[in-house]
Amino acid sequence: MVTKAQLEAEVADLRRQLAEQAKEPTPNESQEADVEPEGLAENLEAWSAQLEDVMTELEEFPHKKPILFALGIFAVGYLLGRSR
């Protein structure tokens, strides 16, 4: 059986560990400090280009595979209709 003194010692140790963790910078904070505005702009441009590619694919999909598109629309409609 655990005594009250042992529990108090464990709580004190856990509080000390929390205080130490609060003093240390988190990995996100140290990474954010390392990011340069130029690198951020390059990442934003790359993400924008990828988004445009995805949007182009979505716009062309009904023309490339009309039967699959129609079946997908039917399936979505059926599932939405059954959800009530």
PDB file of N, CA and C in Angstrom:
ATOM      1  N   MET A   1       0.836  -1.169   0.000  1.00  0.00           N
ATOM      2  CA  MET A   1       0.000   0.000   0.000  1.00  0.00           C
ATOM      3  C   MET A   1       0.890   1.243   0.000  1.00  0.00           C
ATOM      4  N   VAL A   2       0.464   2.239  -0.731  1.00  0.00           N
ATOM      5  CA  VAL A   2       1.228   3.473  -0.871  1.00  0.00           C
ATOM      6  C   VAL A   2       0.872   4.404   0.278  1.00  0.00           C
ATOM      7  N   THR A   3       1.909   5.017   0.816  1.00  0.00           N
ATOM      8  CA  THR A   3       1.670   5.932   1.930  1.00  0.00           C
ATOM      9  C   THR A   3       1.435   7.350   1.409  1.00  0.00           C
ATOM     10  N   LYS A   4       0.934   8.187   2.305  1.00  0.00           N
ATOM     11  CA  LYS A   4       0.666   9.574   1.948  1.00  0.00           C
ATOM     12  C   LYS A   4       1.965  10.298   1.610  1.00  0.00           C
ATOM     13  N   ALA A   5       3.015  10.003   2.313  1.00  0.00           N
ATOM     14  CA  ALA A   5       4.309  10.646   2.068  1.00  0.00           C
ATOM     15  C   ALA A   5       4.830  10.297   0.675  1.00  0.00           C
ATOM     16  N   GLN A   6       4.656   9.050   0.260  1.00  0.00           N
ATOM     17  CA  GLN A   6       5.099   8.640  -1.073  1.00  0.00           C
ATOM     18  C   GLN A   6       4.296   9.354  -2.153  1.00  0.00           C
ATOM     19  N   LEU A   7       2.999   9.468  -1.946  1.00  0.00           N
ATOM     20  CA  LEU A   7       2.156  10.174  -2.915  1.00  0.00           C
ATOM     21  C   LEU A   7       2.526  11.647  -2.999  1.00  0.00           C
ATOM     22  N   GLU A   8       2.777  12.272  -1.871  1.00  0.00           N
ATOM     23  CA  GLU A   8       3.176  13.673  -1.877  1.00  0.00           C
ATOM     24  C   GLU A   8       4.519  13.873  -2.574  1.00  0.00           C
ATOM     25  N   ALA A   9       5.445  12.936  -2.370  1.00  0.00           N
ATOM     26  CA  ALA A   9       6.746  13.010  -3.036  1.00  0.00           C
ATOM     27  C   ALA A   9       6.575  12.867  -4.550  1.00  0.00           C
ATOM     28  N   GLU A  10       5.694  11.970  -4.969  1.00  0.00           N
ATOM     29  CA  GLU A  10       5.436  11.769  -6.400  1.00  0.00           C
ATOM     30  C   GLU A  10       4.801  13.014  -7.018  1.00  0.00           C
ATOM     31  N   VAL A  11       3.851  13.626  -6.317  1.00  0.00           N
ATOM     32  CA  VAL A  11       3.212  14.840  -6.810  1.00  0.00           C
ATOM     33  C   VAL A  11       4.238  15.968  -6.912  1.00  0.00           C
ATOM     34  N   ALA A  12       5.108  16.088  -5.936  1.00  0.00           N
ATOM     35  CA  ALA A  12       6.144  17.127  -5.973  1.00  0.00           C
ATOM     36  C   ALA A  12       7.074  16.904  -7.162  1.00  0.00           C
ATOM     37  N   ASP A  13       7.420  15.647  -7.422  1.00  0.00           N
ATOM     38  CA  ASP A  13       8.289  15.333  -8.566  1.00  0.00           C
ATOM     39  C   ASP A  13       7.598  15.669  -9.886  1.00  0.00           C
ATOM     40  N   LEU A  14       6.326  15.351  -9.999  1.00  0.00           N
ATOM     41  CA  LEU A  14       5.582  15.656 -11.223  1.00  0.00           C
ATOM     42  C   LEU A  14       5.458  17.166 -11.421  1.00  0.00           C
ATOM     43  N   ARG A  15       5.240  17.908 -10.359  1.00  0.00           N
ATOM     44  CA  ARG A  15       5.170  19.368 -10.473  1.00  0.00           C
ATOM     45  C   ARG A  15       6.505  19.940 -10.942  1.00  0.00           C
ATOM     46  N   ARG A  16       7.603  19.385 -10.425  1.00  0.00           N
ATOM     47  CA  ARG A  16       8.932  19.839 -10.839  1.00  0.00           C
ATOM     48  C   ARG A  16       9.149  19.568 -12.322  1.00  0.00           C
ATOM     49  N   GLN A  17       8.729  18.377 -12.782  1.00  0.00           N
ATOM     50  CA  GLN A  17       8.863  18.042 -14.201  1.00  0.00           C
ATOM     51  C   GLN A  17       8.039  18.978 -15.077  1.00  0.00           C
ATOM     52  N   LEU A  18       6.824  19.311 -14.651  1.00  0.00           N
ATOM     53  CA  LEU A  18       5.988  20.252 -15.410  1.00  0.00           C
ATOM     54  C   LEU A  18       6.621  21.627 -15.477  1.00  0.00           C
ATOM     55  N   ALA A  19       7.207  22.065 -14.375  1.00  0.00           N
ATOM     56  CA  ALA A  19       7.863  23.375 -14.361  1.00  0.00           C
ATOM     57  C   ALA A  19       9.051  23.389 -15.316  1.00  0.00           C
ATOM     58  N   GLU A  20       9.815  22.304 -15.375  1.00  0.00           N
ATOM     59  CA  GLU A  20      10.947  22.211 -16.296  1.00  0.00           C
ATOM     60  C   GLU A  20      10.485  22.224 -17.752  1.00  0.00           C
ATOM     61  N   GLN A  21       9.393  21.516 -18.043  1.00  0.00           N
ATOM     62  CA  GLN A  21       8.871  21.478 -19.411  1.00  0.00           C
ATOM     63  C   GLN A  21       8.349  22.842 -19.834  1.00  0.00           C
ATOM     64  N   ALA A  22       7.787  23.588 -18.910  1.00  0.00           N
ATOM     65  CA  ALA A  22       7.256  24.904 -19.242  1.00  0.00           C
ATOM     66  C   ALA A  22       8.384  25.865 -19.603  1.00  0.00           C
ATOM     67  N   LYS A  23       9.567  25.661 -19.029  1.00  0.00           N
ATOM     68  CA  LYS A  23      10.705  26.529 -19.315  1.00  0.00           C
ATOM     69  C   LYS A  23      11.332  26.232 -20.672  1.00  0.00           C
ATOM     70  N   GLU A  24      11.254  24.992 -21.131  1.00  0.00           N
ATOM     71  CA  GLU A  24      11.860  24.593 -22.407  1.00  0.00           C
ATOM     72  C   GLU A  24      10.982  25.056 -23.572  1.00  0.00           C
ATOM     73  N   PRO A  25      11.600  25.539 -24.672  1.00  0.00           N
ATOM     74  CA  PRO A  25      10.786  25.911 -25.838  1.00  0.00           C
ATOM     75  C   PRO A  25      10.250  24.655 -26.520  1.00  0.00           C
ATOM     76  N   THR A  26       9.039  24.747 -27.003  1.00  0.00           N
ATOM     77  CA  THR A  26       8.453  23.615 -27.709  1.00  0.00           C
ATOM     78  C   THR A  26       9.079  23.507 -29.090  1.00  0.00           C
ATOM     79  N   PRO A  27       9.040  22.333 -29.731  1.00  0.00           N
ATOM     80  CA  PRO A  27       9.616  22.185 -31.070  1.00  0.00           C
ATOM     81  C   PRO A  27       8.990  23.137 -32.084  1.00  0.00           C
ATOM     82  N   ASN A  28       7.702  23.423 -31.965  1.00  0.00           N
ATOM     83  CA  ASN A  28       7.042  24.320 -32.909  1.00  0.00           C
ATOM     84  C   ASN A  28       7.579  25.734 -32.791  1.00  0.00           C
ATOM     85  N   GLU A  29       7.838  26.187 -31.554  1.00  0.00           N
ATOM     86  CA  GLU A  29       8.347  27.537 -31.361  1.00  0.00           C
ATOM     87  C   GLU A  29       9.735  27.692 -31.956  1.00  0.00           C
ATOM     88  N   SER A  30      10.589  26.673 -31.785  1.00  0.00           N
ATOM     89  CA  SER A  30      11.941  26.766 -32.326  1.00  0.00           C
ATOM     90  C   SER A  30      11.925  26.662 -33.847  1.00  0.00           C
ATOM     91  N   GLN A  31      11.010  25.895 -34.413  1.00  0.00           N
ATOM     92  CA  GLN A  31      10.922  25.778 -35.870  1.00  0.00           C
ATOM     93  C   GLN A  31      10.386  27.069 -36.476  1.00  0.00           C
ATOM     94  N   GLU A  32       9.428  27.707 -35.826  1.00  0.00           N
ATOM     95  CA  GLU A  32       8.859  28.940 -36.356  1.00  0.00           C
ATOM     96  C   GLU A  32       9.906  30.045 -36.388  1.00  0.00           C
ATOM     97  N   ALA A  33      10.798  30.041 -35.439  1.00  0.00           N
ATOM     98  CA  ALA A  33      11.833  31.060 -35.417  1.00  0.00           C
ATOM     99  C   ALA A  33      12.817  30.857 -36.563  1.00  0.00           C
ATOM    100  N   ASP A  34      12.999  29.607 -37.016  1.00  0.00           N
ATOM    101  CA  ASP A  34      13.942  29.306 -38.080  1.00  0.00           C
ATOM    102  C   ASP A  34      13.387  29.589 -39.479  1.00  0.00           C
ATOM    103  N   VAL A  35      12.068  29.681 -39.631  1.00  0.00           N
ATOM    104  CA  VAL A  35      11.465  29.871 -40.944  1.00  0.00           C
ATOM    105  C   VAL A  35      11.695  31.303 -41.402  1.00  0.00           C
ATOM    106  N   GLU A  36      12.263  31.441 -42.587  1.00  0.00           N
ATOM    107  CA  GLU A  36      12.495  32.764 -43.143  1.00  0.00           C
ATOM    108  C   GLU A  36      11.295  33.173 -43.979  1.00  0.00           C
ATOM    109  N   PRO A  37      11.021  34.457 -44.089  1.00  0.00           N
ATOM    110  CA  PRO A  37       9.894  34.901 -44.917  1.00  0.00           C
ATOM    111  C   PRO A  37      10.033  34.461 -46.369  1.00  0.00           C
ATOM    112  N   GLU A  38      11.256  34.392 -46.890  1.00  0.00           N
ATOM    113  CA  GLU A  38      11.447  33.957 -48.273  1.00  0.00           C
ATOM    114  C   GLU A  38      11.054  32.495 -48.428  1.00  0.00           C
ATOM    115  N   GLY A  39      11.438  31.663 -47.481  1.00  0.00           N
ATOM    116  CA  GLY A  39      11.075  30.248 -47.521  1.00  0.00           C
ATOM    117  C   GLY A  39       9.580  30.054 -47.413  1.00  0.00           C
ATOM    118  N   LEU A  40       8.949  30.891 -46.611  1.00  0.00           N
ATOM    119  CA  LEU A  40       7.504  30.829 -46.459  1.00  0.00           C
ATOM    120  C   LEU A  40       6.812  31.182 -47.767  1.00  0.00           C
ATOM    121  N   ALA A  41       7.329  32.183 -48.469  1.00  0.00           N
ATOM    122  CA  ALA A  41       6.748  32.586 -49.749  1.00  0.00           C
ATOM    123  C   ALA A  41       6.901  31.473 -50.778  1.00  0.00           C
ATOM    124  N   GLU A  42       8.049  30.801 -50.781  1.00  0.00           N
ATOM    125  CA  GLU A  42       8.256  29.685 -51.717  1.00  0.00           C
ATOM    126  C   GLU A  42       7.302  28.546 -51.418  1.00  0.00           C
ATOM    127  N   ASN A  43       7.100  28.236 -50.133  1.00  0.00           N
ATOM    128  CA  ASN A  43       6.168  27.177 -49.760  1.00  0.00           C
ATOM    129  C   ASN A  43       4.745  27.537 -50.159  1.00  0.00           C
ATOM    130  N   LEU A  44       4.397  28.800 -49.996  1.00  0.00           N
ATOM    131  CA  LEU A  44       3.061  29.253 -50.369  1.00  0.00           C
ATOM    132  C   LEU A  44       2.848  29.138 -51.873  1.00  0.00           C
ATOM    133  N   GLU A  45       3.871  29.489 -52.660  1.00  0.00           N
ATOM    134  CA  GLU A  45       3.767  29.372 -54.115  1.00  0.00           C
ATOM    135  C   GLU A  45       3.642  27.908 -54.535  1.00  0.00           C
ATOM    136  N   ALA A  46       4.408  27.028 -53.904  1.00  0.00           N
ATOM    137  CA  ALA A  46       4.333  25.600 -54.232  1.00  0.00           C
ATOM    138  C   ALA A  46       2.956  25.052 -53.880  1.00  0.00           C
ATOM    139  N   TRP A  47       2.444  25.449 -52.719  1.00  0.00           N
ATOM    140  CA  TRP A  47       1.123  24.985 -52.313  1.00  0.00           C
ATOM    141  C   TRP A  47       0.053  25.508 -53.260  1.00  0.00           C
ATOM    142  N   SER A  48       0.185  26.747 -53.692  1.00  0.00           N
ATOM    143  CA  SER A  48      -0.768  27.341 -54.617  1.00  0.00           C
ATOM    144  C   SER A  48      -0.757  26.604 -55.955  1.00  0.00           C
ATOM    145  N   ALA A  49       0.432  26.247 -56.433  1.00  0.00           N
ATOM    146  CA  ALA A  49       0.539  25.512 -57.694  1.00  0.00           C
ATOM    147  C   ALA A  49      -0.101  24.132 -57.577  1.00  0.00           C
ATOM    148  N   GLN A  50       0.106  23.467 -56.448  1.00  0.00           N
ATOM    149  CA  GLN A  50      -0.504  22.154 -56.240  1.00  0.00           C
ATOM    150  C   GLN A  50      -2.019  22.260 -56.164  1.00  0.00           C
ATOM    151  N   LEU A  51      -2.513  23.294 -55.526  1.00  0.00           N
ATOM    152  CA  LEU A  51      -3.956  23.502 -55.436  1.00  0.00           C
ATOM    153  C   LEU A  51      -4.556  23.738 -56.816  1.00  0.00           C
ATOM    154  N   GLU A  52      -3.868  24.498 -57.646  1.00  0.00           N
ATOM    155  CA  GLU A  52      -4.348  24.734 -59.009  1.00  0.00           C
ATOM    156  C   GLU A  52      -4.377  23.442 -59.807  1.00  0.00           C
ATOM    157  N   ASP A  53      -3.383  22.575 -59.633  1.00  0.00           N
ATOM    158  CA  ASP A  53      -3.364  21.283 -60.316  1.00  0.00           C
ATOM    159  C   ASP A  53      -4.554  20.424 -59.900  1.00  0.00           C
ATOM    160  N   VAL A  54      -4.844  20.403 -58.612  1.00  0.00           N
ATOM    161  CA  VAL A  54      -5.971  19.611 -58.115  1.00  0.00           C
ATOM    162  C   VAL A  54      -7.284  20.158 -58.664  1.00  0.00           C
ATOM    163  N   MET A  55      -7.436  21.469 -58.665  1.00  0.00           N
ATOM    164  CA  MET A  55      -8.659  22.063 -59.184  1.00  0.00           C
ATOM    165  C   MET A  55      -8.836  21.770 -60.671  1.00  0.00           C
ATOM    166  N   THR A  56      -7.752  21.790 -61.429  1.00  0.00           N
ATOM    167  CA  THR A  56      -7.811  21.473 -62.860  1.00  0.00           C
ATOM    168  C   THR A  56      -8.254  20.029 -63.056  1.00  0.00           C
ATOM    169  N   GLU A  57      -7.689  19.118 -62.253  1.00  0.00           N
ATOM    170  CA  GLU A  57      -8.075  17.701 -62.347  1.00  0.00           C
ATOM    171  C   GLU A  57      -9.560  17.527 -62.042  1.00  0.00           C
ATOM    172  N   LEU A  58     -10.046  18.219 -61.006  1.00  0.00           N
ATOM    173  CA  LEU A  58     -11.458  18.106 -60.649  1.00  0.00           C
ATOM    174  C   LEU A  58     -12.371  18.662 -61.737  1.00  0.00           C
ATOM    175  N   GLU A  59     -11.945  19.723 -62.409  1.00  0.00           N
ATOM    176  CA  GLU A  59     -12.757  20.298 -63.480  1.00  0.00           C
ATOM    177  C   GLU A  59     -12.785  19.392 -64.705  1.00  0.00           C
ATOM    178  N   GLU A  60     -11.695  18.674 -64.973  1.00  0.00           N
ATOM    179  CA  GLU A  60     -11.614  17.821 -66.157  1.00  0.00           C
ATOM    180  C   GLU A  60     -12.186  16.429 -65.917  1.00  0.00           C
ATOM    181  N   PHE A  61     -12.363  16.013 -64.674  1.00  0.00           N
ATOM    182  CA  PHE A  61     -12.802  14.655 -64.368  1.00  0.00           C
ATOM    183  C   PHE A  61     -14.128  14.270 -65.035  1.00  0.00           C
ATOM    184  N   PRO A  62     -15.181  15.126 -64.995  1.00  0.00           N
ATOM    185  CA  PRO A  62     -16.441  14.729 -65.637  1.00  0.00           C
ATOM    186  C   PRO A  62     -16.301  14.520 -67.156  1.00  0.00           C
ATOM    187  N   HIS A  63     -15.357  15.202 -67.782  1.00  0.00           N
ATOM    188  CA  HIS A  63     -15.172  15.062 -69.226  1.00  0.00           C
ATOM    189  C   HIS A  63     -14.331  13.830 -69.561  1.00  0.00           C
ATOM    190  N   LYS A  64     -13.412  13.482 -68.678  1.00  0.00           N
ATOM    191  CA  LYS A  64     -12.545  12.330 -68.931  1.00  0.00           C
ATOM    192  C   LYS A  64     -13.254  11.013 -68.648  1.00  0.00           C
ATOM    193  N   LYS A  65     -14.010  10.942 -67.558  1.00  0.00           N
ATOM    194  CA  LYS A  65     -14.674   9.702 -67.150  1.00  0.00           C
ATOM    195  C   LYS A  65     -16.120   9.997 -66.759  1.00  0.00           C
ATOM    196  N   PRO A  66     -16.981  10.207 -67.748  1.00  0.00           N
ATOM    197  CA  PRO A  66     -18.358  10.618 -67.426  1.00  0.00           C
ATOM    198  C   PRO A  66     -19.175   9.541 -66.710  1.00  0.00           C
ATOM    199  N   ILE A  67     -18.972   8.273 -67.038  1.00  0.00           N
ATOM    200  CA  ILE A  67     -19.764   7.218 -66.395  1.00  0.00           C
ATOM    201  C   ILE A  67     -19.387   7.097 -64.914  1.00  0.00           C
ATOM    202  N   LEU A  68     -18.113   7.127 -64.635  1.00  0.00           N
ATOM    203  CA  LEU A  68     -17.668   7.057 -63.246  1.00  0.00           C
ATOM    204  C   LEU A  68     -18.164   8.267 -62.461  1.00  0.00           C
ATOM    205  N   PHE A  69     -18.144   9.418 -63.100  1.00  0.00           N
ATOM    206  CA  PHE A  69     -18.631  10.639 -62.461  1.00  0.00           C
ATOM    207  C   PHE A  69     -20.125  10.512 -62.147  1.00  0.00           C
ATOM    208  N   ALA A  70     -20.898  10.022 -63.108  1.00  0.00           N
ATOM    209  CA  ALA A  70     -22.337   9.868 -62.911  1.00  0.00           C
ATOM    210  C   ALA A  70     -22.630   8.860 -61.807  1.00  0.00           C
ATOM    211  N   LEU A  71     -21.887   7.755 -61.769  1.00  0.00           N
ATOM    212  CA  LEU A  71     -22.089   6.762 -60.717  1.00  0.00           C
ATOM    213  C   LEU A  71     -21.732   7.352 -59.343  1.00  0.00           C
ATOM    214  N   GLY A  72     -20.693   8.151 -59.299  1.00  0.00           N
ATOM    215  CA  GLY A  72     -20.307   8.790 -58.044  1.00  0.00           C
ATOM    216  C   GLY A  72     -21.368   9.744 -57.552  1.00  0.00           C
ATOM    217  N   ILE A  73     -21.916  10.545 -58.468  1.00  0.00           N
ATOM    218  CA  ILE A  73     -22.983  11.476 -58.097  1.00  0.00           C
ATOM    219  C   ILE A  73     -24.211  10.703 -57.619  1.00  0.00           C
ATOM    220  N   PHE A  74     -24.554   9.616 -58.291  1.00  0.00           N
ATOM    221  CA  PHE A  74     -25.689   8.790 -57.893  1.00  0.00           C
ATOM    222  C   PHE A  74     -25.456   8.218 -56.494  1.00  0.00           C
ATOM    223  N   ALA A  75     -24.248   7.717 -56.234  1.00  0.00           N
ATOM    224  CA  ALA A  75     -23.935   7.131 -54.927  1.00  0.00           C
ATOM    225  C   ALA A  75     -24.025   8.177 -53.822  1.00  0.00           C
ATOM    226  N   VAL A  76     -23.517   9.357 -54.071  1.00  0.00           N
ATOM    227  CA  VAL A  76     -23.589  10.426 -53.068  1.00  0.00           C
ATOM    228  C   VAL A  76     -25.046  10.803 -52.817  1.00  0.00           C
ATOM    229  N   GLY A  77     -25.830  10.928 -53.863  1.00  0.00           N
ATOM    230  CA  GLY A  77     -27.244  11.243 -53.703  1.00  0.00           C
ATOM    231  C   GLY A  77     -27.990  10.167 -52.937  1.00  0.00           C
ATOM    232  N   TYR A  78     -27.690   8.919 -53.232  1.00  0.00           N
ATOM    233  CA  TYR A  78     -28.330   7.806 -52.537  1.00  0.00           C
ATOM    234  C   TYR A  78     -27.976   7.830 -51.048  1.00  0.00           C
ATOM    235  N   LEU A  79     -26.696   8.022 -50.752  1.00  0.00           N
ATOM    236  CA  LEU A  79     -26.281   8.047 -49.344  1.00  0.00           C
ATOM    237  C   LEU A  79     -26.890   9.232 -48.603  1.00  0.00           C
ATOM    238  N   LEU A  80     -26.963  10.380 -49.252  1.00  0.00           N
ATOM    239  CA  LEU A  80     -27.592  11.534 -48.595  1.00  0.00           C
ATOM    240  C   LEU A  80     -29.080  11.298 -48.383  1.00  0.00           C
ATOM    241  N   GLY A  81     -29.726  10.646 -49.339  1.00  0.00           N
ATOM    242  CA  GLY A  81     -31.141  10.349 -49.213  1.00  0.00           C
ATOM    243  C   GLY A  81     -31.424   9.352 -48.100  1.00  0.00           C
ATOM    244  N   ARG A  82     -30.516   8.407 -47.899  1.00  0.00           N
ATOM    245  CA  ARG A  82     -30.701   7.388 -46.860  1.00  0.00           C
ATOM    246  C   ARG A  82     -30.311   7.882 -45.475  1.00  0.00           C
ATOM    247  N   SER A  83     -29.639   8.998 -45.395  1.00  0.00           N
ATOM    248  CA  SER A  83     -29.151   9.469 -44.097  1.00  0.00           C
ATOM    249  C   SER A  83     -30.260  10.042 -43.221  1.00  0.00           C
ATOM    250  N   ARG A  84     -31.402  10.320 -43.786  1.00  0.00           N
ATOM    251  CA  ARG A  84     -32.512  10.868 -42.985  1.00  0.00           C
ATOM    252  C   ARG A  84     -33.277   9.804 -42.349  1.00  0.00           C
TER     253      ARG A  84
END
